[in-house]
Amino acid sequence: MNHLHKNKKANHKDPVCGMDVSTENNAITATWNNQTYYFCAQHCREEFEKAPEAYQKKSSFFLKRWWNNYLKRLNKVTNGKPQCCD
């Protein structure tokens, strides 16, 4: 089953929005505390650079922020109306 592991490109999570980011194609990066972080867009990198400690993996702040962003998008799509299951 070695053919399943031929593609060895590295993927990382954008610490700001949670999107999967490939290290290929001139990735947007920032280094903090000797660790390289990858971003989906320049805007996410700028947000990270304002307060990098707030986006550490160990912080529950990241998960809360991700969940709040998800709920905002969901409310926008559904116009704030609850969805019914039929």
Protein backbone atom coordinates (compact mmCIF):
# COMPACT_ATOMS: atom_id res chain seq x y z
CA MET A 1 0.00 0.00 0.00
CA ASN A 2 2.95 2.34 -0.43
CA HIS A 3 1.20 4.02 -3.36
CA LEU A 4 -1.13 5.75 -0.88
CA HIS A 5 1.77 7.69 0.61
CA LYS A 6 3.43 8.97 -2.57
CA ASN A 7 2.06 12.49 -2.14
CA LYS A 8 4.09 13.88 0.74
CA LYS A 9 3.13 17.58 0.55
CA ALA A 10 2.79 19.07 4.01
CA ASN A 11 -0.46 20.66 5.12
CA HIS A 12 -0.88 22.98 8.05
CA LYS A 13 -3.81 24.73 9.71
CA ASP A 14 -4.09 28.48 9.41
CA PRO A 15 -4.06 29.49 13.11
CA VAL A 16 -6.46 32.38 12.47
CA CYS A 17 -9.29 30.85 10.41
CA GLY A 18 -8.53 27.13 10.72
CA MET A 19 -8.28 26.53 6.96
CA ASP A 20 -5.95 23.80 5.68
CA VAL A 21 -2.92 25.40 4.02
CA SER A 22 -0.39 23.66 1.79
CA THR A 23 3.30 24.45 2.12
CA GLU A 24 3.54 24.47 -1.67
CA ASN A 25 2.96 27.41 -4.02
CA ASN A 26 4.81 30.14 -2.10
CA ALA A 27 2.85 29.84 1.12
CA ILE A 28 2.28 32.95 3.24
CA THR A 29 4.20 32.42 6.48
CA ALA A 30 5.20 34.07 9.72
CA THR A 31 7.69 32.92 12.33
CA TRP A 32 7.06 33.30 16.05
CA ASN A 33 8.94 31.59 18.91
CA ASN A 34 11.10 29.71 16.37
CA GLN A 35 8.02 28.11 14.81
CA THR A 36 6.74 28.75 11.29
CA TYR A 37 3.01 29.36 10.83
CA TYR A 38 1.23 29.08 7.47
CA PHE A 39 -1.68 31.26 6.36
CA CYS A 40 -4.32 31.10 3.64
CA ALA A 41 -4.20 34.86 2.98
CA GLN A 42 -2.25 37.97 3.89
CA HIS A 43 -5.17 39.19 6.03
CA CYS A 44 -4.91 36.14 8.30
CA ARG A 45 -1.16 36.68 8.64
CA GLU A 46 -1.71 40.32 9.65
CA GLU A 47 -4.30 39.28 12.26
CA PHE A 48 -1.86 36.72 13.67
CA GLU A 49 0.96 39.27 13.88
CA LYS A 50 -1.22 41.61 16.00
CA ALA A 51 -1.41 39.04 18.83
CA PRO A 52 0.36 35.74 18.06
CA GLU A 53 0.02 34.38 21.59
CA ALA A 54 -3.76 34.35 21.17
CA TYR A 55 -3.50 31.82 18.34
CA GLN A 56 -1.43 29.13 20.00
CA LYS A 57 -2.68 25.56 19.54
CA LYS A 58 -2.80 24.99 23.25
CA SER A 59 -5.15 27.94 23.69
CA SER A 60 -8.87 27.31 23.78
CA PHE A 61 -9.24 30.83 22.37
CA PHE A 62 -8.54 29.43 18.89
CA LEU A 63 -11.35 26.90 19.15
CA LYS A 64 -13.79 29.46 20.51
CA ARG A 65 -12.92 31.86 17.71
CA TRP A 66 -13.28 29.13 15.08
CA TRP A 67 -16.68 28.08 16.50
CA ASN A 68 -17.92 31.69 16.63
CA ASN A 69 -16.87 32.25 13.01
CA TYR A 70 -18.69 29.07 12.00
CA LEU A 71 -21.87 30.15 13.77
CA LYS A 72 -21.72 33.59 12.14
CA ARG A 73 -21.43 32.01 8.69
CA LEU A 74 -24.27 29.60 9.49
CA ASN A 75 -26.53 32.44 10.62
CA LYS A 76 -25.70 34.39 7.47
CA VAL A 77 -26.59 31.45 5.23
CA THR A 78 -29.82 30.62 7.08
CA ASN A 79 -30.80 34.24 7.77
CA GLY A 80 -30.79 33.41 11.49
CA LYS A 81 -33.66 30.94 11.16
CA PRO A 82 -33.36 27.52 12.79
CA GLN A 83 -33.24 24.60 10.39
CA CYS A 84 -35.90 21.92 10.57
CA CYS A 85 -35.28 18.26 10.04
CA ASP A 86 -38.07 16.54 8.11
